[in-house]
């Protein structure tokens, strides 16, 4: 499928989703939100995809929300105030759903970040499973600087990625966080010299993940995300149910045999869903 704001390629089980509005610093417009949701739902449904790398083309990862387009959504509406606000709420929920598709994608998503990652960019990478950054990257919860409460996932997901006091400081001030601080705090997994090195490391990590059992990888992500959103008791019950249904497949024997014989296991792809796209 061709996209206007994204480049999407798949090779050897690894998908690459590159934001592709370099002339606009990958600012996020309505088309982008529509396409990123569709793209990740399509990748989720593709049984050949085992990991995803997310990056940005051009000078920066993303400048965040396209403020020029957003102004037309936020202002100038006429009519009954309650209906206007209901419409805005539904619009925000639609935007959220685009990034929920990243979080809910059955395979791990690795963000490869360079240059600026601000505003909506933080919402986006918070929905990813891992984050790698170049030395020139910087991060800002920019919404506070334009009198907006960040509403696409940063304030909900980042408390699991950053100490709460630090997150509050970043959210209340909009200050820059540089890669050394982000790495020290655990927000970033690794820091690399430049954009190319960051992408290389992201693809290397994605290829390692893609070599594992796709059932075990998707199950691990599902169980981790469930545990994040529920109690310990709920999470333990969920993984018991998950493994009672998934553990006794061929991948377990393949992996065990490969470990004992010091060979590399080859795992079959998942089955394609019969559900309409």
C-alpha atoms as a PDB file:
ATOM      1  CA  UNK A   1       0.000   0.000   0.000  1.00  0.00           C
ATOM      2  CA  UNK A   2       1.311   3.442  -0.955  1.00  0.00           C
ATOM      3  CA  UNK A   3       1.252   6.256   1.581  1.00  0.00           C
ATOM      4  CA  UNK A   4       1.576  10.022   1.244  1.00  0.00           C
ATOM      5  CA  UNK A   5       3.341  10.712   4.557  1.00  0.00           C
ATOM      6  CA  UNK A   6       5.115   7.387   5.174  1.00  0.00           C
ATOM      7  CA  UNK A   7       7.598   5.096   3.477  1.00  0.00           C
ATOM      8  CA  UNK A   8       6.866   1.487   4.422  1.00  0.00           C
ATOM      9  CA  UNK A   9       9.102  -1.404   3.378  1.00  0.00           C
ATOM     10  CA  UNK A  10       9.437  -5.011   4.549  1.00  0.00           C
ATOM     11  CA  UNK A  11      12.554  -7.160   4.260  1.00  0.00           C
ATOM     12  CA  UNK A  12      13.462 -10.432   5.983  1.00  0.00           C
ATOM     13  CA  UNK A  13      10.667 -10.117   8.503  1.00  0.00           C
ATOM     14  CA  UNK A  14      11.530  -6.537   9.517  1.00  0.00           C
ATOM     15  CA  UNK A  15       9.279  -3.653   8.501  1.00  0.00           C
ATOM     16  CA  UNK A  16      10.621  -0.115   8.216  1.00  0.00           C
ATOM     17  CA  UNK A  17       8.168   2.733   8.706  1.00  0.00           C
ATOM     18  CA  UNK A  18       9.791   6.074   7.890  1.00  0.00           C
ATOM     19  CA  UNK A  19       7.905   9.327   8.399  1.00  0.00           C
ATOM     20  CA  UNK A  20       8.263  11.078   5.068  1.00  0.00           C
ATOM     21  CA  UNK A  21       7.483  14.792   5.238  1.00  0.00           C
ATOM     22  CA  UNK A  22      11.086  15.999   5.439  1.00  0.00           C
ATOM     23  CA  UNK A  23      10.268  19.420   3.994  1.00  0.00           C
ATOM     24  CA  UNK A  24       7.847  19.904   6.917  1.00  0.00           C
ATOM     25  CA  UNK A  25      10.214  18.332   9.480  1.00  0.00           C
ATOM     26  CA  UNK A  26       7.815  15.374   9.570  1.00  0.00           C
ATOM     27  CA  UNK A  27       5.142  17.499  11.224  1.00  0.00           C
ATOM     28  CA  UNK A  28       2.050  15.420  11.896  1.00  0.00           C
ATOM     29  CA  UNK A  29      -0.994  16.410   9.848  1.00  0.00           C
ATOM     30  CA  UNK A  30      -4.349  14.682   9.451  1.00  0.00           C
ATOM     31  CA  UNK A  31      -3.099  12.506   6.625  1.00  0.00           C
ATOM     32  CA  UNK A  32      -0.210  11.321   8.774  1.00  0.00           C
ATOM     33  CA  UNK A  33      -2.480  10.303  11.645  1.00  0.00           C
ATOM     34  CA  UNK A  34      -4.756   8.431   9.277  1.00  0.00           C
ATOM     35  CA  UNK A  35      -1.868   6.677   7.568  1.00  0.00           C
ATOM     36  CA  UNK A  36       0.157   5.738  10.653  1.00  0.00           C
ATOM     37  CA  UNK A  37      -2.901   4.023  12.128  1.00  0.00           C
ATOM     38  CA  UNK A  38      -3.608   2.166   8.894  1.00  0.00           C
ATOM     39  CA  UNK A  39       0.055   1.237   8.411  1.00  0.00           C
ATOM     40  CA  UNK A  40       0.510  -0.300  11.851  1.00  0.00           C
ATOM     41  CA  UNK A  41      -2.792  -2.145  11.683  1.00  0.00           C
ATOM     42  CA  UNK A  42      -1.696  -3.568   8.327  1.00  0.00           C
ATOM     43  CA  UNK A  43       1.697  -4.585   9.743  1.00  0.00           C
ATOM     44  CA  UNK A  44      -0.036  -6.184  12.718  1.00  0.00           C
ATOM     45  CA  UNK A  45      -2.118  -8.274  10.309  1.00  0.00           C
ATOM     46  CA  UNK A  46       0.839  -9.272   8.106  1.00  0.00           C
ATOM     47  CA  UNK A  47       2.101 -12.691   9.292  1.00  0.00           C
ATOM     48  CA  UNK A  48       5.500 -12.119   7.662  1.00  0.00           C
ATOM     49  CA  UNK A  49       6.302  -9.100   9.862  1.00  0.00           C
ATOM     50  CA  UNK A  50       8.209  -9.934  13.052  1.00  0.00           C
ATOM     51  CA  UNK A  51       9.564  -6.519  14.117  1.00  0.00           C
ATOM     52  CA  UNK A  52       9.209  -2.874  13.070  1.00  0.00           C
ATOM     53  CA  UNK A  53      11.713  -0.015  12.927  1.00  0.00           C
ATOM     54  CA  UNK A  54      10.207   3.487  13.046  1.00  0.00           C
ATOM     55  CA  UNK A  55      12.287   6.461  11.868  1.00  0.00           C
ATOM     56  CA  UNK A  56      11.992   9.893  10.291  1.00  0.00           C
ATOM     57  CA  UNK A  57      13.346  11.021   6.932  1.00  0.00           C
ATOM     58  CA  UNK A  58      15.221  14.295   6.677  1.00  0.00           C
ATOM     59  CA  UNK A  59      16.871  16.509   9.290  1.00  0.00           C
ATOM     60  CA  UNK A  60      14.642  15.638  12.259  1.00  0.00           C
ATOM     61  CA  UNK A  61      12.624  12.706  13.578  1.00  0.00           C
ATOM     62  CA  UNK A  62       9.551  14.917  13.913  1.00  0.00           C
ATOM     63  CA  UNK A  63       8.596  18.468  14.829  1.00  0.00           C
ATOM     64  CA  UNK A  64       5.365  17.130  16.340  1.00  0.00           C
ATOM     65  CA  UNK A  65       1.854  18.296  15.571  1.00  0.00           C
ATOM     66  CA  UNK A  66       1.320  20.372  12.431  1.00  0.00           C
ATOM     67  CA  UNK A  67       0.137  23.519  14.219  1.00  0.00           C
ATOM     68  CA  UNK A  68      -1.085  25.264  11.070  1.00  0.00           C
ATOM     69  CA  UNK A  69      -3.518  22.442  10.334  1.00  0.00           C
ATOM     70  CA  UNK A  70      -4.478  22.021  13.982  1.00  0.00           C
ATOM     71  CA  UNK A  71      -5.526  25.655  14.278  1.00  0.00           C
ATOM     72  CA  UNK A  72      -8.364  25.024  11.841  1.00  0.00           C
ATOM     73  CA  UNK A  73      -9.588  22.124  13.990  1.00  0.00           C
ATOM     74  CA  UNK A  74      -9.299  23.863  17.359  1.00  0.00           C
ATOM     75  CA  UNK A  75     -10.728  27.249  16.439  1.00  0.00           C
ATOM     76  CA  UNK A  76     -13.490  28.847  14.429  1.00  0.00           C
ATOM     77  CA  UNK A  77     -16.187  26.236  15.057  1.00  0.00           C
ATOM     78  CA  UNK A  78     -19.744  27.536  15.211  1.00  0.00           C
ATOM     79  CA  UNK A  79     -22.877  25.960  16.604  1.00  0.00           C
ATOM     80  CA  UNK A  80     -24.075  24.487  19.854  1.00  0.00           C
ATOM     81  CA  UNK A  81     -21.076  24.531  22.263  1.00  0.00           C
ATOM     82  CA  UNK A  82     -21.774  21.037  23.591  1.00  0.00           C
ATOM     83  CA  UNK A  83     -21.848  19.575  20.085  1.00  0.00           C
ATOM     84  CA  UNK A  84     -18.696  21.440  19.111  1.00  0.00           C
ATOM     85  CA  UNK A  85     -16.890  20.003  22.157  1.00  0.00           C
ATOM     86  CA  UNK A  86     -18.240  16.523  21.480  1.00  0.00           C
ATOM     87  CA  UNK A  87     -16.855  16.749  17.950  1.00  0.00           C
ATOM     88  CA  UNK A  88     -13.458  17.843  19.294  1.00  0.00           C
ATOM     89  CA  UNK A  89     -13.427  14.977  21.799  1.00  0.00           C
ATOM     90  CA  UNK A  90     -14.113  12.457  19.053  1.00  0.00           C
ATOM     91  CA  UNK A  91     -11.318  14.021  16.984  1.00  0.00           C
ATOM     92  CA  UNK A  92      -8.850  13.627  19.867  1.00  0.00           C
ATOM     93  CA  UNK A  93      -9.905  10.002  20.356  1.00  0.00           C
ATOM     94  CA  UNK A  94      -9.312   9.399  16.645  1.00  0.00           C
ATOM     95  CA  UNK A  95      -5.809  10.862  16.941  1.00  0.00           C
ATOM     96  CA  UNK A  96      -5.147   8.677  19.992  1.00  0.00           C
ATOM     97  CA  UNK A  97      -6.257   5.601  18.088  1.00  0.00           C
ATOM     98  CA  UNK A  98      -3.489   6.202  15.530  1.00  0.00           C
ATOM     99  CA  UNK A  99      -0.802   5.818  18.203  1.00  0.00           C
ATOM    100  CA  UNK A 100      -2.718   3.065  19.982  1.00  0.00           C
ATOM    101  CA  UNK A 101      -2.163   1.074  16.787  1.00  0.00           C
ATOM    102  CA  UNK A 102       1.593   1.305  17.425  1.00  0.00           C
ATOM    103  CA  UNK A 103       1.244   0.212  21.060  1.00  0.00           C
ATOM    104  CA  UNK A 104      -1.166  -2.588  20.113  1.00  0.00           C
ATOM    105  CA  UNK A 105       0.856  -3.878  17.148  1.00  0.00           C
ATOM    106  CA  UNK A 106       1.580  -7.534  17.978  1.00  0.00           C
ATOM    107  CA  UNK A 107       5.299  -7.199  17.115  1.00  0.00           C
ATOM    108  CA  UNK A 108       7.927  -5.070  18.872  1.00  0.00           C
ATOM    109  CA  UNK A 109       8.351  -1.547  17.491  1.00  0.00           C
ATOM    110  CA  UNK A 110      11.778   0.100  17.743  1.00  0.00           C
ATOM    111  CA  UNK A 111      12.011   3.885  17.366  1.00  0.00           C
ATOM    112  CA  UNK A 112      15.247   5.166  15.782  1.00  0.00           C
ATOM    113  CA  UNK A 113      15.348   8.857  16.716  1.00  0.00           C
ATOM    114  CA  UNK A 114      17.582  11.643  15.420  1.00  0.00           C
ATOM    115  CA  UNK A 115      17.372  15.413  15.693  1.00  0.00           C
ATOM    116  CA  UNK A 116      14.221  16.884  17.190  1.00  0.00           C
ATOM    117  CA  UNK A 117      11.531  14.680  18.719  1.00  0.00           C
ATOM    118  CA  UNK A 118       8.967  17.024  20.220  1.00  0.00           C
ATOM    119  CA  UNK A 119       5.294  17.187  21.117  1.00  0.00           C
ATOM    120  CA  UNK A 120       3.443  14.463  19.263  1.00  0.00           C
ATOM    121  CA  UNK A 121       6.792  12.791  18.652  1.00  0.00           C
ATOM    122  CA  UNK A 122       7.025  11.973  22.358  1.00  0.00           C
ATOM    123  CA  UNK A 123       3.488  10.554  22.243  1.00  0.00           C
ATOM    124  CA  UNK A 124       4.568   8.396  19.315  1.00  0.00           C
ATOM    125  CA  UNK A 125       7.811   7.023  20.730  1.00  0.00           C
ATOM    126  CA  UNK A 126       6.167   6.405  24.104  1.00  0.00           C
ATOM    127  CA  UNK A 127       3.891   3.975  22.240  1.00  0.00           C
ATOM    128  CA  UNK A 128       6.946   2.118  20.895  1.00  0.00           C
ATOM    129  CA  UNK A 129       8.553  -0.792  22.715  1.00  0.00           C
ATOM    130  CA  UNK A 130      12.162   0.418  22.520  1.00  0.00           C
ATOM    131  CA  UNK A 131      13.838   3.700  21.710  1.00  0.00           C
ATOM    132  CA  UNK A 132      17.305   4.243  20.231  1.00  0.00           C
ATOM    133  CA  UNK A 133      18.696   7.746  19.662  1.00  0.00           C
ATOM    134  CA  UNK A 134      21.561   9.516  17.958  1.00  0.00           C
ATOM    135  CA  UNK A 135      23.818  11.922  19.828  1.00  0.00           C
ATOM    136  CA  UNK A 136      22.128  14.917  18.150  1.00  0.00           C
ATOM    137  CA  UNK A 137      18.628  13.881  19.270  1.00  0.00           C
ATOM    138  CA  UNK A 138      16.626  15.927  21.745  1.00  0.00           C
ATOM    139  CA  UNK A 139      13.223  15.557  23.310  1.00  0.00           C
ATOM    140  CA  UNK A 140      10.593  18.031  24.484  1.00  0.00           C
ATOM    141  CA  UNK A 141       7.028  17.665  25.722  1.00  0.00           C
ATOM    142  CA  UNK A 142       6.269  20.764  23.731  1.00  0.00           C
ATOM    143  CA  UNK A 143       2.512  20.972  24.324  1.00  0.00           C
ATOM    144  CA  UNK A 144       2.873  23.056  27.499  1.00  0.00           C
ATOM    145  CA  UNK A 145       4.588  25.776  25.444  1.00  0.00           C
ATOM    146  CA  UNK A 146       1.506  26.161  23.248  1.00  0.00           C
ATOM    147  CA  UNK A 147      -0.954  25.933  26.165  1.00  0.00           C
ATOM    148  CA  UNK A 148      -2.088  22.360  25.449  1.00  0.00           C
ATOM    149  CA  UNK A 149      -2.289  19.374  27.778  1.00  0.00           C
ATOM    150  CA  UNK A 150      -0.485  16.543  25.957  1.00  0.00           C
ATOM    151  CA  UNK A 151      -3.309  14.204  24.993  1.00  0.00           C
ATOM    152  CA  UNK A 152      -1.999  11.474  22.698  1.00  0.00           C
ATOM    153  CA  UNK A 153      -0.321   9.174  25.200  1.00  0.00           C
ATOM    154  CA  UNK A 154       2.758  10.827  26.712  1.00  0.00           C
ATOM    155  CA  UNK A 155       1.152  11.506  30.083  1.00  0.00           C
ATOM    156  CA  UNK A 156      -0.317   7.993  30.188  1.00  0.00           C
ATOM    157  CA  UNK A 157       2.617   5.889  28.912  1.00  0.00           C
ATOM    158  CA  UNK A 158       5.704   7.860  29.939  1.00  0.00           C
ATOM    159  CA  UNK A 159       5.134   7.268  33.690  1.00  0.00           C
ATOM    160  CA  UNK A 160       6.230   3.699  32.923  1.00  0.00           C
ATOM    161  CA  UNK A 161       9.324   4.978  31.086  1.00  0.00           C
ATOM    162  CA  UNK A 162      10.563   7.853  33.284  1.00  0.00           C
ATOM    163  CA  UNK A 163      10.649   8.690  37.003  1.00  0.00           C
ATOM    164  CA  UNK A 164       7.445  10.562  37.779  1.00  0.00           C
ATOM    165  CA  UNK A 165       9.159  13.664  39.159  1.00  0.00           C
ATOM    166  CA  UNK A 166      11.308  14.002  36.044  1.00  0.00           C
ATOM    167  CA  UNK A 167       8.315  13.456  33.782  1.00  0.00           C
ATOM    168  CA  UNK A 168       6.373  16.153  35.614  1.00  0.00           C
ATOM    169  CA  UNK A 169       9.296  18.554  35.254  1.00  0.00           C
ATOM    170  CA  UNK A 170       9.476  17.876  31.518  1.00  0.00           C
ATOM    171  CA  UNK A 171       5.698  18.151  31.094  1.00  0.00           C
ATOM    172  CA  UNK A 172       5.353  21.358  33.153  1.00  0.00           C
ATOM    173  CA  UNK A 173       8.317  23.174  31.572  1.00  0.00           C
ATOM    174  CA  UNK A 174       8.676  21.794  28.039  1.00  0.00           C
ATOM    175  CA  UNK A 175      12.454  21.868  28.474  1.00  0.00           C
ATOM    176  CA  UNK A 176      14.790  19.865  26.278  1.00  0.00           C
ATOM    177  CA  UNK A 177      15.989  16.467  27.402  1.00  0.00           C
ATOM    178  CA  UNK A 178      19.225  15.406  25.717  1.00  0.00           C
ATOM    179  CA  UNK A 179      20.227  11.806  24.922  1.00  0.00           C
ATOM    180  CA  UNK A 180      22.633  11.369  27.831  1.00  0.00           C
ATOM    181  CA  UNK A 181      19.917  12.250  30.343  1.00  0.00           C
ATOM    182  CA  UNK A 182      17.298  10.192  28.491  1.00  0.00           C
ATOM    183  CA  UNK A 183      19.629   7.196  28.447  1.00  0.00           C
ATOM    184  CA  UNK A 184      20.592   7.562  32.107  1.00  0.00           C
ATOM    185  CA  UNK A 185      16.921   7.616  33.087  1.00  0.00           C
ATOM    186  CA  UNK A 186      16.063   4.587  30.945  1.00  0.00           C
ATOM    187  CA  UNK A 187      13.854   6.427  28.447  1.00  0.00           C
ATOM    188  CA  UNK A 188      16.325   5.576  25.686  1.00  0.00           C
ATOM    189  CA  UNK A 189      17.783   2.076  25.372  1.00  0.00           C
ATOM    190  CA  UNK A 190      20.993   3.083  23.592  1.00  0.00           C
ATOM    191  CA  UNK A 191      22.662   6.194  22.143  1.00  0.00           C
ATOM    192  CA  UNK A 192      24.618   6.088  18.880  1.00  0.00           C
ATOM    193  CA  UNK A 193      26.922   8.479  17.038  1.00  0.00           C
ATOM    194  CA  UNK A 194      24.564   9.623  14.298  1.00  0.00           C
ATOM    195  CA  UNK A 195      21.394   8.841  12.380  1.00  0.00           C
ATOM    196  CA  UNK A 196      22.964   6.108  10.242  1.00  0.00           C
ATOM    197  CA  UNK A 197      24.482   4.351  13.238  1.00  0.00           C
ATOM    198  CA  UNK A 198      21.170   4.566  15.093  1.00  0.00           C
ATOM    199  CA  UNK A 199      19.284   3.023  12.187  1.00  0.00           C
ATOM    200  CA  UNK A 200      21.908   0.307  11.820  1.00  0.00           C
ATOM    201  CA  UNK A 201      21.589  -0.574  15.496  1.00  0.00           C
ATOM    202  CA  UNK A 202      17.779  -0.519  15.289  1.00  0.00           C
ATOM    203  CA  UNK A 203      17.760  -2.916  12.346  1.00  0.00           C
ATOM    204  CA  UNK A 204      20.281  -5.193  14.053  1.00  0.00           C
ATOM    205  CA  UNK A 205      18.033  -5.346  17.123  1.00  0.00           C
ATOM    206  CA  UNK A 206      14.947  -5.904  14.951  1.00  0.00           C
ATOM    207  CA  UNK A 207      16.657  -8.733  13.045  1.00  0.00           C
ATOM    208  CA  UNK A 208      17.634 -10.443  16.294  1.00  0.00           C
ATOM    209  CA  UNK A 209      14.018 -10.251  17.475  1.00  0.00           C
ATOM    210  CA  UNK A 210      12.802 -11.502  14.081  1.00  0.00           C
ATOM    211  CA  UNK A 211      14.938 -14.629  14.491  1.00  0.00           C
ATOM    212  CA  UNK A 212      12.950 -15.697  17.560  1.00  0.00           C
ATOM    213  CA  UNK A 213       9.658 -17.580  17.672  1.00  0.00           C
ATOM    214  CA  UNK A 214       6.965 -15.173  16.399  1.00  0.00           C
ATOM    215  CA  UNK A 215       4.474 -16.761  18.783  1.00  0.00           C
ATOM    216  CA  UNK A 216       6.776 -16.192  21.761  1.00  0.00           C
ATOM    217  CA  UNK A 217       7.615 -12.636  20.742  1.00  0.00           C
ATOM    218  CA  UNK A 218       4.020 -11.534  20.187  1.00  0.00           C
ATOM    219  CA  UNK A 219       2.999 -13.327  23.381  1.00  0.00           C
ATOM    220  CA  UNK A 220       5.731 -11.614  25.392  1.00  0.00           C
ATOM    221  CA  UNK A 221       4.627  -8.194  24.133  1.00  0.00           C
ATOM    222  CA  UNK A 222       0.979  -8.945  24.851  1.00  0.00           C
ATOM    223  CA  UNK A 223       1.759 -10.142  28.380  1.00  0.00           C
ATOM    224  CA  UNK A 224       4.054  -7.179  29.129  1.00  0.00           C
ATOM    225  CA  UNK A 225       1.458  -4.662  27.941  1.00  0.00           C
ATOM    226  CA  UNK A 226      -1.270  -6.417  29.913  1.00  0.00           C
ATOM    227  CA  UNK A 227       0.889  -6.361  33.041  1.00  0.00           C
ATOM    228  CA  UNK A 228       1.509  -2.637  32.576  1.00  0.00           C
ATOM    229  CA  UNK A 229      -2.225  -1.955  32.543  1.00  0.00           C
ATOM    230  CA  UNK A 230      -3.321  -4.390  35.304  1.00  0.00           C
ATOM    231  CA  UNK A 231      -2.410  -5.697  38.748  1.00  0.00           C
ATOM    232  CA  UNK A 232       0.294  -8.301  39.350  1.00  0.00           C
ATOM    233  CA  UNK A 233      -2.377 -10.900  40.123  1.00  0.00           C
ATOM    234  CA  UNK A 234      -4.218 -10.098  36.894  1.00  0.00           C
ATOM    235  CA  UNK A 235      -0.973 -10.335  34.928  1.00  0.00           C
ATOM    236  CA  UNK A 236      -0.042 -13.706  36.385  1.00  0.00           C
ATOM    237  CA  UNK A 237      -3.475 -15.099  35.601  1.00  0.00           C
ATOM    238  CA  UNK A 238      -3.246 -13.730  32.048  1.00  0.00           C
ATOM    239  CA  UNK A 239       0.151 -15.301  31.307  1.00  0.00           C
ATOM    240  CA  UNK A 240      -1.021 -18.623  32.733  1.00  0.00           C
ATOM    241  CA  UNK A 241      -3.961 -18.557  30.343  1.00  0.00           C
ATOM    242  CA  UNK A 242      -1.757 -17.421  27.466  1.00  0.00           C
ATOM    243  CA  UNK A 243       0.807 -20.185  27.917  1.00  0.00           C
ATOM    244  CA  UNK A 244      -1.842 -22.854  28.453  1.00  0.00           C
ATOM    245  CA  UNK A 245      -3.042 -22.009  24.954  1.00  0.00           C
ATOM    246  CA  UNK A 246       0.245 -21.273  23.163  1.00  0.00           C
ATOM    247  CA  UNK A 247       3.054 -23.178  24.897  1.00  0.00           C
ATOM    248  CA  UNK A 248       2.587 -26.632  23.399  1.00  0.00           C
ATOM    249  CA  UNK A 249       3.283 -25.709  19.777  1.00  0.00           C
ATOM    250  CA  UNK A 250       6.108 -26.698  17.450  1.00  0.00           C
ATOM    251  CA  UNK A 251       8.231 -23.634  18.255  1.00  0.00           C
ATOM    252  CA  UNK A 252       9.066 -24.910  21.750  1.00  0.00           C
ATOM    253  CA  UNK A 253      10.523 -28.163  20.405  1.00  0.00           C
ATOM    254  CA  UNK A 254      12.357 -26.355  17.611  1.00  0.00           C
ATOM    255  CA  UNK A 255      13.936 -23.910  20.048  1.00  0.00           C
ATOM    256  CA  UNK A 256      14.870 -26.617  22.535  1.00  0.00           C
ATOM    257  CA  UNK A 257      16.425 -28.791  19.826  1.00  0.00           C
ATOM    258  CA  UNK A 258      18.371 -25.839  18.410  1.00  0.00           C
ATOM    259  CA  UNK A 259      19.713 -24.986  21.861  1.00  0.00           C
ATOM    260  CA  UNK A 260      20.821 -28.567  22.555  1.00  0.00           C
ATOM    261  CA  UNK A 261      22.451 -28.991  19.131  1.00  0.00           C
ATOM    262  CA  UNK A 262      23.838 -25.447  19.003  1.00  0.00           C
ATOM    263  CA  UNK A 263      22.077 -24.786  15.722  1.00  0.00           C
ATOM    264  CA  UNK A 264      19.782 -21.986  14.579  1.00  0.00           C
ATOM    265  CA  UNK A 265      16.061 -22.635  14.686  1.00  0.00           C
ATOM    266  CA  UNK A 266      13.858 -21.594  11.783  1.00  0.00           C
ATOM    267  CA  UNK A 267      10.343 -20.660  12.873  1.00  0.00           C
ATOM    268  CA  UNK A 268       7.337 -20.681  10.559  1.00  0.00           C
ATOM    269  CA  UNK A 269       5.439 -17.402  10.133  1.00  0.00           C
ATOM    270  CA  UNK A 270       2.100 -16.941  11.820  1.00  0.00           C
ATOM    271  CA  UNK A 271      -1.059 -17.717   9.872  1.00  0.00           C
ATOM    272  CA  UNK A 272      -2.777 -14.872   8.096  1.00  0.00           C
ATOM    273  CA  UNK A 273      -6.086 -13.826   9.592  1.00  0.00           C
ATOM    274  CA  UNK A 274      -9.300 -14.406   7.663  1.00  0.00           C
ATOM    275  CA  UNK A 275     -10.698 -11.142   9.048  1.00  0.00           C
ATOM    276  CA  UNK A 276     -11.151  -8.394   6.436  1.00  0.00           C
ATOM    277  CA  UNK A 277      -8.458  -5.720   6.460  1.00  0.00           C
END
